[in-house]
Amino acid sequence: MLVEGWEYPEDNPYGECTHNGTVEIYYSMAQYLTDEEVNTIWGIVGKACDRNNIDTSGDAELSVRVYNEVNTDLINT
């Protein structure tokens, strides 16, 4: 059963909207990445921001999510 490490998306915060016995969830990848991996990803994203004149000099934050649909029977409610 899926019991931790995932959340429901903001548009379905309680997991009430299901389709064919599945519900969308996501994993916030920051909890699974090492500091080195986060720095590598932020370096790549920072270059893309610079290239497109997106200002990241303030209080910028990096968020990486992996979305998936899971069978509702696998969720411990």
N, C-alpha and C. Protein backbone atom coordinates (compact mmCIF):
# COMPACT_ATOMS: atom_id res chain seq x y z
N MET A 1 0.83 -1.18 0.00
CA MET A 1 0.00 0.00 0.00
C MET A 1 0.87 1.24 0.00
N LEU A 2 0.40 2.28 -0.66
CA LEU A 2 1.09 3.56 -0.64
C LEU A 2 0.70 4.30 0.62
N VAL A 3 1.64 4.52 1.50
CA VAL A 3 1.30 5.15 2.76
C VAL A 3 2.07 6.44 3.03
N GLU A 4 3.15 6.71 2.30
CA GLU A 4 3.89 7.94 2.56
C GLU A 4 4.71 8.33 1.33
N GLY A 5 5.13 9.58 1.34
CA GLY A 5 5.99 10.08 0.28
C GLY A 5 5.26 10.66 -0.91
N TRP A 6 3.95 10.70 -0.88
CA TRP A 6 3.18 11.23 -2.00
C TRP A 6 2.08 12.15 -1.48
N GLU A 7 1.52 12.96 -2.39
CA GLU A 7 0.42 13.85 -2.04
C GLU A 7 -0.56 13.89 -3.20
N TYR A 8 -1.76 14.37 -2.92
CA TYR A 8 -2.72 14.63 -3.98
C TYR A 8 -2.45 16.01 -4.57
N PRO A 9 -2.66 16.20 -5.88
CA PRO A 9 -2.48 17.52 -6.49
C PRO A 9 -3.46 18.55 -5.91
N GLU A 10 -3.12 19.83 -6.09
CA GLU A 10 -3.93 20.91 -5.55
C GLU A 10 -5.36 20.91 -6.09
N ASP A 11 -5.55 20.45 -7.33
CA ASP A 11 -6.90 20.46 -7.90
C ASP A 11 -7.75 19.29 -7.42
N ASN A 12 -7.18 18.41 -6.61
CA ASN A 12 -7.91 17.27 -6.03
C ASN A 12 -7.31 16.97 -4.65
N PRO A 13 -7.35 17.93 -3.73
CA PRO A 13 -6.57 17.82 -2.49
C PRO A 13 -6.96 16.67 -1.57
N TYR A 14 -8.13 16.11 -1.72
CA TYR A 14 -8.55 15.01 -0.85
C TYR A 14 -8.65 13.69 -1.59
N GLY A 15 -8.25 13.67 -2.85
CA GLY A 15 -8.29 12.43 -3.63
C GLY A 15 -9.68 11.95 -3.92
N GLU A 16 -10.65 12.87 -3.92
CA GLU A 16 -12.04 12.48 -4.14
C GLU A 16 -12.35 12.20 -5.60
N CYS A 17 -11.65 12.86 -6.52
CA CYS A 17 -11.91 12.69 -7.95
C CYS A 17 -11.12 11.50 -8.47
N THR A 18 -11.84 10.45 -8.81
CA THR A 18 -11.19 9.25 -9.33
C THR A 18 -11.73 8.97 -10.73
N HIS A 19 -11.00 8.17 -11.48
CA HIS A 19 -11.42 7.79 -12.83
C HIS A 19 -11.04 6.34 -13.05
N ASN A 20 -12.04 5.51 -13.30
CA ASN A 20 -11.81 4.07 -13.53
C ASN A 20 -10.99 3.43 -12.41
N GLY A 21 -11.26 3.82 -11.17
CA GLY A 21 -10.58 3.21 -10.04
C GLY A 21 -9.18 3.71 -9.79
N THR A 22 -8.78 4.81 -10.45
CA THR A 22 -7.45 5.38 -10.22
C THR A 22 -7.59 6.83 -9.76
N VAL A 23 -6.55 7.30 -9.12
CA VAL A 23 -6.48 8.69 -8.68
C VAL A 23 -5.06 9.20 -8.95
N GLU A 24 -4.95 10.50 -9.27
CA GLU A 24 -3.64 11.09 -9.54
C GLU A 24 -2.98 11.48 -8.22
N ILE A 25 -1.70 11.16 -8.11
CA ILE A 25 -0.88 11.56 -6.97
C ILE A 25 0.42 12.14 -7.51
N TYR A 26 1.21 12.76 -6.63
CA TYR A 26 2.55 13.16 -7.03
C TYR A 26 3.52 12.94 -5.88
N TYR A 27 4.78 12.80 -6.27
CA TYR A 27 5.88 12.71 -5.33
C TYR A 27 6.69 14.00 -5.44
N SER A 28 6.94 14.65 -4.33
CA SER A 28 7.81 15.82 -4.30
C SER A 28 9.24 15.29 -4.24
N MET A 29 9.94 15.43 -5.33
CA MET A 29 11.22 14.75 -5.49
C MET A 29 12.33 15.29 -4.59
N ALA A 30 12.16 16.49 -4.03
CA ALA A 30 13.21 17.05 -3.17
C ALA A 30 13.58 16.11 -2.03
N GLN A 31 12.61 15.37 -1.52
CA GLN A 31 12.89 14.48 -0.40
C GLN A 31 13.71 13.26 -0.81
N TYR A 32 13.80 12.99 -2.10
CA TYR A 32 14.52 11.82 -2.59
C TYR A 32 15.88 12.17 -3.19
N LEU A 33 16.14 13.47 -3.41
CA LEU A 33 17.37 13.90 -4.05
C LEU A 33 18.42 14.29 -3.02
N THR A 34 19.68 14.04 -3.38
CA THR A 34 20.77 14.51 -2.54
C THR A 34 21.00 15.99 -2.83
N ASP A 35 21.74 16.66 -1.95
CA ASP A 35 22.06 18.08 -2.17
C ASP A 35 22.79 18.26 -3.50
N GLU A 36 23.68 17.35 -3.82
CA GLU A 36 24.43 17.43 -5.07
C GLU A 36 23.49 17.34 -6.28
N GLU A 37 22.52 16.44 -6.22
CA GLU A 37 21.56 16.31 -7.31
C GLU A 37 20.69 17.56 -7.45
N VAL A 38 20.26 18.12 -6.32
CA VAL A 38 19.48 19.36 -6.36
C VAL A 38 20.30 20.48 -6.98
N ASN A 39 21.56 20.60 -6.58
CA ASN A 39 22.43 21.64 -7.14
C ASN A 39 22.63 21.46 -8.64
N THR A 40 22.77 20.22 -9.09
CA THR A 40 22.92 19.95 -10.52
C THR A 40 21.67 20.38 -11.29
N ILE A 41 20.50 19.98 -10.77
CA ILE A 41 19.24 20.34 -11.43
C ILE A 41 19.05 21.85 -11.43
N TRP A 42 19.33 22.49 -10.28
CA TRP A 42 19.17 23.94 -10.20
C TRP A 42 20.12 24.64 -11.16
N GLY A 43 21.32 24.10 -11.35
CA GLY A 43 22.26 24.67 -12.32
C GLY A 43 21.70 24.65 -13.74
N ILE A 44 21.08 23.54 -14.11
CA ILE A 44 20.48 23.41 -15.45
C ILE A 44 19.29 24.37 -15.59
N VAL A 45 18.43 24.40 -14.58
CA VAL A 45 17.25 25.28 -14.62
C VAL A 45 17.70 26.74 -14.61
N GLY A 46 18.71 27.05 -13.83
CA GLY A 46 19.23 28.43 -13.78
C GLY A 46 19.74 28.90 -15.12
N LYS A 47 20.44 28.03 -15.85
CA LYS A 47 20.92 28.39 -17.19
C LYS A 47 19.76 28.66 -18.13
N ALA A 48 18.71 27.83 -18.06
CA ALA A 48 17.53 28.04 -18.90
C ALA A 48 16.84 29.35 -18.54
N CYS A 49 16.77 29.67 -17.25
CA CYS A 49 16.17 30.93 -16.82
C CYS A 49 16.99 32.12 -17.35
N ASP A 50 18.30 32.05 -17.20
CA ASP A 50 19.17 33.13 -17.70
C ASP A 50 18.99 33.32 -19.20
N ARG A 51 18.94 32.23 -19.94
CA ARG A 51 18.80 32.27 -21.39
C ARG A 51 17.50 32.94 -21.82
N ASN A 52 16.47 32.82 -20.96
CA ASN A 52 15.15 33.37 -21.28
C ASN A 52 14.82 34.60 -20.44
N ASN A 53 15.86 35.22 -19.84
CA ASN A 53 15.72 36.45 -19.06
C ASN A 53 14.70 36.33 -17.93
N ILE A 54 14.69 35.18 -17.25
CA ILE A 54 13.84 34.98 -16.08
C ILE A 54 14.69 35.27 -14.85
N ASP A 55 14.28 36.27 -14.08
CA ASP A 55 15.05 36.71 -12.92
C ASP A 55 14.92 35.70 -11.78
N THR A 56 16.04 35.16 -11.35
CA THR A 56 16.06 34.23 -10.21
C THR A 56 16.93 34.78 -9.08
N SER A 57 17.16 36.10 -9.08
CA SER A 57 18.05 36.69 -8.07
C SER A 57 17.37 36.86 -6.71
N GLY A 58 16.05 36.76 -6.67
CA GLY A 58 15.33 36.93 -5.41
C GLY A 58 15.23 35.64 -4.64
N ASP A 59 14.08 35.39 -4.11
CA ASP A 59 13.84 34.22 -3.28
C ASP A 59 13.31 33.07 -4.14
N ALA A 60 14.11 32.60 -5.08
CA ALA A 60 13.70 31.54 -6.01
C ALA A 60 13.68 30.19 -5.30
N GLU A 61 12.79 29.34 -5.76
CA GLU A 61 12.64 28.01 -5.17
C GLU A 61 12.48 26.99 -6.29
N LEU A 62 13.11 25.85 -6.14
CA LEU A 62 13.02 24.77 -7.13
C LEU A 62 12.09 23.70 -6.61
N SER A 63 11.09 23.35 -7.43
CA SER A 63 10.15 22.30 -7.08
C SER A 63 10.09 21.30 -8.22
N VAL A 64 10.32 20.03 -7.90
CA VAL A 64 10.27 18.97 -8.91
C VAL A 64 9.26 17.94 -8.43
N ARG A 65 8.25 17.68 -9.28
CA ARG A 65 7.22 16.71 -8.94
C ARG A 65 7.14 15.63 -10.01
N VAL A 66 6.87 14.43 -9.58
CA VAL A 66 6.60 13.33 -10.49
C VAL A 66 5.16 12.90 -10.24
N TYR A 67 4.33 13.03 -11.28
CA TYR A 67 2.92 12.68 -11.18
C TYR A 67 2.69 11.26 -11.67
N ASN A 68 1.70 10.60 -11.08
CA ASN A 68 1.37 9.25 -11.47
C ASN A 68 -0.10 8.98 -11.13
N GLU A 69 -0.70 8.05 -11.81
CA GLU A 69 -2.03 7.59 -11.45
C GLU A 69 -1.87 6.22 -10.80
N VAL A 70 -2.54 6.04 -9.68
CA VAL A 70 -2.45 4.77 -8.96
C VAL A 70 -3.85 4.24 -8.71
N ASN A 71 -3.93 2.93 -8.56
CA ASN A 71 -5.19 2.29 -8.24
C ASN A 71 -5.60 2.71 -6.83
N THR A 72 -6.85 3.10 -6.67
CA THR A 72 -7.31 3.57 -5.36
C THR A 72 -7.22 2.48 -4.29
N ASP A 73 -7.20 1.21 -4.69
CA ASP A 73 -7.06 0.12 -3.72
C ASP A 73 -5.70 0.09 -3.07
N LEU A 74 -4.69 0.76 -3.69
CA LEU A 74 -3.34 0.75 -3.16
C LEU A 74 -3.11 1.82 -2.11
N ILE A 75 -4.06 2.73 -1.96
CA ILE A 75 -3.90 3.85 -1.05
C ILE A 75 -4.49 3.49 0.30
N ASN A 76 -3.69 3.69 1.33
CA ASN A 76 -4.11 3.41 2.69
C ASN A 76 -4.94 4.60 3.20
N THR A 77 -6.26 4.44 3.22
CA THR A 77 -7.12 5.54 3.67
C THR A 77 -7.62 5.32 5.06
